[in-house]
Amino acid sequence: MRFGMGARFANFAKTRGVPTETPVEKIPKDVFKALLYGVTPKQEREWGVSWKGLAISLTERFHATENEGVKARIHELMSDLGCPDCHGARLRPEVLAVRIEGKNIQDIVKLNIASAVEFFGALKMVGEKEKIAGPILKEVRERLGFLNDVGLSYITLDRTSGTLSGGEGQRIRLASQVGSKLVGVTYVLDEPTIGLHQRDNDRLLNTLIMLRDLGNTVLVVEHDEDVMRRADHLIDMGPGAGEHGGEITGQGTAEELGKSERSLTGKYLTKQLEIPAAACAPHTRWQTFHPHQRSARE
């Protein structure tokens, strides 16, 4: 066994008369359960052996170690399973019994951002409930609105961070910064418009402008034409890529950049240069993929 438990495991198996090479399906159920989760006090007295359990020991090791290699090996043995009682909500039945407009908190976090905006927008409180919930609802609506404005309307509220793309994570952090209303901060964003629909692109740009108007500096590394046209100041790096670049070939607004002799970006932005329509035609090659074969046709 790995993880330094081989001797202890072998000793426990020996006391129960189970050779270490015994197939899992032939191990008695009570012994197998103790093998994974440890012996009970009663079993410890009857069997005369103390054993914490493989699952318990590996879980403790996983959380305690700083060795990434060990963490990776233990992680290979782990999997996510939903709780049969709360079905993954991680809340007590008493909490899940509380409902607003027929939905409990688990139902609400399963909504995507767009649906959540609609739900909380239509939610009305009156009297004493309005006094208690009013400030909270205002905060919730604002935060959902910020997430919606940066192009995350399709994200569900229960999405884990590990399933988000780099761009999605960047936009979530951006939305939280807008909500914090900090001033005097410099934000650096790396191509935040990648993968966005044009409608969401405009919303994101409006959010960046809002950050600027709050009194912040927003520095964006970007190739999107709309972003460049709406920027207060452009810095064009070139003249080529990689080792052939690294120089400032022009700066200023889009119009000012177009006056720079060395700025290709400026010339395209001001229509001095254009990509011929023929170069934009779709490629004629296409591929069809089948389960056991693939073919390419002209």
Protein backbone atom coordinates (compact mmCIF):
# COMPACT_ATOMS: atom_id res chain seq x y z
CA MET A 1 0.00 0.00 0.00
CA ARG A 2 1.07 3.58 -0.60
CA PHE A 3 0.69 6.58 1.77
CA GLY A 4 2.60 4.87 4.61
CA MET A 5 -0.29 2.67 5.86
CA GLY A 6 0.85 -0.69 4.47
CA ALA A 7 2.04 -2.22 7.75
CA ARG A 8 -1.00 -1.10 9.74
CA PHE A 9 -3.34 -2.30 7.01
CA ALA A 10 -1.62 -5.70 6.85
CA ASN A 11 -1.80 -6.05 10.65
CA PHE A 12 -5.53 -5.26 10.70
CA ALA A 13 -6.24 -7.68 7.85
CA LYS A 14 -4.21 -10.41 9.56
CA THR A 15 -6.17 -10.13 12.83
CA ARG A 16 -9.39 -10.68 10.87
CA GLY A 17 -7.99 -13.62 8.92
CA VAL A 18 -8.19 -11.78 5.61
CA PRO A 19 -5.07 -12.02 3.40
CA THR A 20 -4.20 -8.72 1.73
CA GLU A 21 -4.66 -10.27 -1.72
CA THR A 22 -8.28 -11.27 -0.98
CA PRO A 23 -10.71 -9.96 -3.66
CA VAL A 24 -13.03 -7.25 -2.35
CA GLU A 25 -16.19 -9.27 -3.04
CA LYS A 26 -14.94 -12.06 -0.76
CA ILE A 27 -14.23 -9.86 2.25
CA PRO A 28 -16.97 -10.12 4.94
CA LYS A 29 -19.20 -7.02 4.91
CA ASP A 30 -18.47 -6.01 8.53
CA VAL A 31 -14.72 -6.33 7.94
CA PHE A 32 -14.89 -4.40 4.66
CA LYS A 33 -16.84 -1.57 6.30
CA ALA A 34 -14.32 -1.45 9.16
CA LEU A 35 -11.49 -1.54 6.62
CA LEU A 36 -12.83 1.64 4.97
CA TYR A 37 -14.28 3.57 7.90
CA GLY A 38 -12.57 2.15 10.97
CA VAL A 39 -13.61 -0.20 13.76
CA THR A 40 -16.33 0.67 16.23
CA PRO A 41 -15.59 0.67 20.00
CA LYS A 42 -17.42 -2.66 20.26
CA GLN A 43 -15.39 -4.19 17.41
CA GLU A 44 -12.18 -2.87 18.96
CA ARG A 45 -12.98 -4.71 22.21
CA GLU A 46 -14.04 -7.91 20.47
CA TRP A 47 -11.35 -8.00 17.79
CA GLY A 48 -8.55 -6.64 19.94
CA VAL A 49 -7.30 -4.25 17.25
CA SER A 50 -7.53 -0.52 16.64
CA TRP A 51 -7.95 0.72 13.07
CA LYS A 52 -8.99 4.19 11.91
CA GLY A 53 -10.03 3.18 8.41
CA LEU A 54 -8.61 3.80 4.95
CA ALA A 55 -11.17 6.45 3.96
CA ILE A 56 -10.77 8.38 7.21
CA SER A 57 -6.96 8.20 7.17
CA LEU A 58 -6.67 9.26 3.52
CA THR A 59 -9.14 12.12 3.99
CA GLU A 60 -7.14 13.43 6.96
CA ARG A 61 -3.90 13.06 5.00
CA PHE A 62 -5.40 14.87 2.00
CA HIS A 63 -6.35 17.92 4.08
CA ALA A 64 -3.17 17.94 6.20
CA THR A 65 -0.43 17.46 3.60
CA GLU A 66 1.21 20.28 1.67
CA ASN A 67 2.75 17.84 -0.81
CA GLU A 68 0.90 18.36 -4.09
CA GLY A 69 2.02 14.97 -5.38
CA VAL A 70 0.45 13.18 -2.41
CA LYS A 71 -2.71 15.27 -2.80
CA ALA A 72 -2.95 14.33 -6.48
CA ARG A 73 -2.57 10.58 -5.77
CA ILE A 74 -5.23 10.64 -3.03
CA HIS A 75 -7.53 12.74 -5.22
CA GLU A 76 -7.50 9.95 -7.81
CA LEU A 77 -9.28 7.76 -5.23
CA MET A 78 -11.94 10.34 -4.41
CA SER A 79 -15.30 11.04 -6.04
CA ASP A 80 -18.25 13.33 -5.33
CA LEU A 81 -21.42 11.61 -4.16
CA GLY A 82 -24.69 13.32 -3.35
CA CYS A 83 -26.03 12.96 0.17
CA PRO A 84 -29.14 10.69 0.12
CA ASP A 85 -30.84 12.87 2.74
CA CYS A 86 -30.26 16.43 1.50
CA HIS A 87 -29.50 15.47 -2.15
CA GLY A 88 -26.46 17.72 -2.29
CA ALA A 89 -28.05 20.77 -0.66
CA ARG A 90 -25.77 20.45 2.41
CA LEU A 91 -28.54 21.85 4.58
CA ARG A 92 -30.74 20.44 7.32
CA PRO A 93 -34.38 19.53 6.55
CA GLU A 94 -35.55 22.39 8.78
CA VAL A 95 -33.72 24.91 6.58
CA LEU A 96 -34.98 23.36 3.33
CA ALA A 97 -38.54 23.54 4.69
CA VAL A 98 -38.41 27.36 4.53
CA ARG A 99 -39.86 28.51 1.20
CA ILE A 100 -40.40 31.82 -0.59
CA GLU A 101 -42.87 31.79 -3.46
CA GLY A 102 -42.78 27.99 -3.35
CA LYS A 103 -38.97 27.75 -3.61
CA ASN A 104 -36.46 26.82 -0.92
CA ILE A 105 -32.83 27.90 -1.01
CA GLN A 106 -31.77 24.78 -2.94
CA ASP A 107 -34.33 25.50 -5.67
CA ILE A 108 -33.12 29.09 -5.93
CA VAL A 109 -29.41 28.31 -6.27
CA LYS A 110 -30.22 25.91 -9.13
CA LEU A 111 -31.48 28.89 -11.15
CA ASN A 112 -29.22 30.54 -13.70
CA ILE A 113 -28.41 34.21 -13.28
CA ALA A 114 -31.05 35.39 -15.76
CA SER A 115 -33.81 33.37 -14.05
CA ALA A 116 -32.65 34.53 -10.62
CA VAL A 117 -32.80 38.17 -11.76
CA GLU A 118 -36.38 37.57 -12.90
CA PHE A 119 -37.35 35.74 -9.70
CA PHE A 120 -35.99 38.35 -7.28
CA GLY A 121 -37.20 41.19 -9.48
CA ALA A 122 -40.77 39.94 -9.18
CA LEU A 123 -40.51 39.15 -5.47
CA LYS A 124 -42.64 41.55 -3.41
CA MET A 125 -42.61 42.00 0.35
CA VAL A 126 -45.07 44.10 2.33
CA GLY A 127 -45.35 45.43 5.84
CA GLU A 128 -42.98 44.02 8.43
CA LYS A 129 -41.47 41.62 5.89
CA GLU A 130 -40.45 44.56 3.69
CA LYS A 131 -38.68 46.24 6.61
CA ILE A 132 -36.72 43.07 7.36
CA ALA A 133 -36.02 41.80 3.85
CA GLY A 134 -35.88 45.10 1.93
CA PRO A 135 -32.14 45.87 2.39
CA ILE A 136 -31.21 42.22 1.75
CA LEU A 137 -33.28 42.03 -1.44
CA LYS A 138 -31.73 45.28 -2.69
CA GLU A 139 -28.24 43.82 -2.24
CA VAL A 140 -29.18 40.51 -3.89
CA ARG A 141 -30.76 42.24 -6.90
CA GLU A 142 -27.73 44.49 -7.38
CA ARG A 143 -25.24 41.61 -7.25
CA LEU A 144 -27.28 39.48 -9.63
CA GLY A 145 -27.57 42.48 -11.94
CA PHE A 146 -23.78 42.92 -11.99
CA LEU A 147 -23.29 39.23 -12.88
CA ASN A 148 -25.90 39.51 -15.61
CA ASP A 149 -24.26 42.64 -17.02
CA VAL A 150 -20.86 40.99 -17.47
CA GLY A 151 -22.30 38.22 -19.66
CA LEU A 152 -22.87 35.46 -17.09
CA SER A 153 -26.64 35.11 -17.46
CA TYR A 154 -26.32 31.37 -18.23
CA ILE A 155 -24.29 30.49 -15.12
CA THR A 156 -26.24 28.71 -12.36
CA LEU A 157 -25.76 29.96 -8.82
CA ASP A 158 -24.61 26.54 -7.58
CA ARG A 159 -21.74 26.22 -10.08
CA THR A 160 -18.48 25.33 -8.33
CA SER A 161 -15.42 27.46 -9.03
CA GLY A 162 -13.52 24.50 -10.46
CA THR A 163 -15.97 24.20 -13.36
CA LEU A 164 -15.60 27.83 -14.49
CA SER A 165 -13.42 28.88 -17.39
CA GLY A 166 -10.73 31.50 -16.89
CA GLY A 167 -12.87 34.13 -18.60
CA GLU A 168 -15.92 33.30 -16.47
CA GLY A 169 -13.90 33.51 -13.28
CA GLN A 170 -12.45 36.84 -14.39
CA ARG A 171 -15.90 38.27 -15.06
CA ILE A 172 -17.24 37.05 -11.70
CA ARG A 173 -14.40 38.87 -9.94
CA LEU A 174 -15.14 41.92 -12.07
CA ALA A 175 -18.82 41.86 -11.03
CA SER A 176 -17.84 41.65 -7.36
CA GLN A 177 -15.56 44.65 -7.76
CA VAL A 178 -18.35 46.69 -9.30
CA GLY A 179 -20.54 45.80 -6.33
CA SER A 180 -17.86 46.80 -3.83
CA LYS A 181 -17.82 50.38 -5.27
CA LEU A 182 -14.11 50.78 -4.54
CA VAL A 183 -12.32 53.83 -5.96
CA GLY A 184 -8.69 54.52 -6.83
CA VAL A 185 -8.06 50.92 -7.93
CA THR A 186 -6.23 49.78 -11.08
CA TYR A 187 -7.85 46.77 -12.76
CA VAL A 188 -5.92 44.69 -15.31
CA LEU A 189 -8.06 42.44 -17.53
CA ASP A 190 -6.80 39.93 -20.10
CA GLU A 191 -9.19 39.64 -23.07
CA PRO A 192 -12.42 39.63 -21.01
CA THR A 193 -14.65 39.60 -24.13
CA ILE A 194 -13.52 36.17 -25.39
CA GLY A 195 -16.50 33.91 -26.09
CA LEU A 196 -19.13 36.58 -25.47
CA HIS A 197 -22.17 37.22 -27.63
CA GLN A 198 -22.21 40.75 -29.05
CA ARG A 199 -25.10 41.72 -26.76
CA ASP A 200 -23.14 40.56 -23.69
CA ASN A 201 -20.04 42.24 -25.09
CA ASP A 202 -21.83 45.60 -24.91
CA ARG A 203 -22.95 44.91 -21.34
CA LEU A 204 -19.40 44.09 -20.31
CA LEU A 205 -18.11 47.30 -21.88
CA ASN A 206 -20.73 49.29 -19.99
CA THR A 207 -19.56 47.62 -16.78
CA LEU A 208 -15.93 48.58 -17.49
CA ILE A 209 -17.02 52.16 -18.14
CA MET A 210 -18.95 52.10 -14.86
CA LEU A 211 -15.78 51.02 -13.04
CA ARG A 212 -13.90 53.87 -14.69
CA ASP A 213 -16.58 56.40 -13.79
CA LEU A 214 -16.39 55.33 -10.13
CA GLY A 215 -12.84 56.70 -10.12
CA ASN A 216 -10.76 53.66 -11.11
CA THR A 217 -8.25 52.86 -13.85
CA VAL A 218 -9.12 49.93 -16.13
CA LEU A 219 -6.27 48.46 -18.19
CA VAL A 220 -7.44 45.90 -20.77
CA VAL A 221 -5.34 43.65 -23.00
CA GLU A 222 -7.72 43.16 -25.91
CA HIS A 223 -8.08 42.61 -29.68
CA ASP A 224 -11.81 43.30 -29.92
CA GLU A 225 -12.63 46.24 -32.20
CA ASP A 226 -15.51 47.55 -30.07
CA VAL A 227 -13.34 47.60 -26.97
CA MET A 228 -10.60 49.50 -28.76
CA ARG A 229 -13.00 52.06 -30.22
CA ARG A 230 -14.55 52.81 -26.81
CA ALA A 231 -11.22 53.02 -24.97
CA ASP A 232 -10.07 56.40 -23.67
CA HIS A 233 -6.49 55.65 -24.66
CA LEU A 234 -4.97 52.92 -26.84
CA ILE A 235 -1.39 51.64 -26.74
CA ASP A 236 -0.47 49.55 -29.79
CA MET A 237 2.42 47.11 -29.33
CA GLY A 238 4.32 45.78 -32.35
CA PRO A 239 5.30 45.93 -35.08
CA GLY A 240 5.17 42.12 -35.16
CA ALA A 241 4.45 39.30 -32.73
CA GLY A 242 6.76 37.70 -30.18
CA GLU A 243 10.42 38.55 -30.69
CA HIS A 244 9.44 40.79 -33.60
CA GLY A 245 7.42 43.12 -31.38
CA GLY A 246 7.65 44.67 -27.94
CA GLU A 247 7.72 48.27 -29.15
CA ILE A 248 5.06 50.94 -28.83
CA THR A 249 4.03 51.67 -32.41
CA GLY A 250 1.34 54.18 -31.58
CA GLN A 251 -0.96 55.48 -28.85
CA GLY A 252 -3.98 57.69 -28.34
CA THR A 253 -7.57 57.37 -29.52
CA ALA A 254 -8.49 55.18 -32.49
CA GLU A 255 -8.30 58.21 -34.80
CA GLU A 256 -4.95 59.31 -33.39
CA LEU A 257 -3.63 55.75 -33.70
CA GLY A 258 -4.55 55.82 -37.39
CA LYS A 259 -2.14 58.71 -37.93
CA SER A 260 0.81 56.66 -36.68
CA GLU A 261 2.90 55.38 -39.59
CA ARG A 262 3.97 52.28 -37.64
CA SER A 263 0.59 51.23 -36.21
CA LEU A 264 -1.15 48.53 -38.25
CA THR A 265 -3.96 48.44 -35.69
CA GLY A 266 -4.61 52.13 -36.23
CA LYS A 267 -4.75 51.72 -39.98
CA TYR A 268 -7.33 48.94 -39.73
CA LEU A 269 -9.40 50.85 -37.17
CA THR A 270 -9.54 53.89 -39.45
CA LYS A 271 -10.20 51.77 -42.58
CA GLN A 272 -6.94 52.75 -44.24
CA LEU A 273 -6.32 49.02 -44.52
CA GLU A 274 -8.95 46.32 -44.89
CA ILE A 275 -8.98 42.54 -45.16
CA PRO A 276 -10.19 41.57 -48.66
CA ALA A 277 -13.60 39.89 -48.72
CA ALA A 278 -12.12 36.83 -50.45
CA ALA A 279 -9.83 36.27 -47.47
CA CYS A 280 -12.88 36.08 -45.22
CA ALA A 281 -14.70 33.43 -47.27
CA PRO A 282 -15.44 30.20 -45.40
CA HIS A 283 -13.04 27.34 -46.03
CA THR A 284 -14.36 24.70 -48.41
CA ARG A 285 -12.96 21.72 -46.51
CA TRP A 286 -15.26 20.05 -44.03
CA GLN A 287 -15.09 16.85 -42.05
CA THR A 288 -17.67 14.28 -41.00
CA PHE A 289 -16.89 12.24 -37.90
CA HIS A 290 -18.43 8.83 -37.28
CA PRO A 291 -18.01 6.55 -34.23
CA HIS A 292 -15.50 4.27 -35.93
CA GLN A 293 -14.32 6.20 -38.94
CA ARG A 294 -13.85 9.70 -40.26
CA SER A 295 -13.61 11.17 -43.72
CA ALA A 296 -12.61 14.50 -45.19
CA ARG A 297 -14.20 15.82 -48.34
CA GLU A 298 -13.64 18.79 -50.54
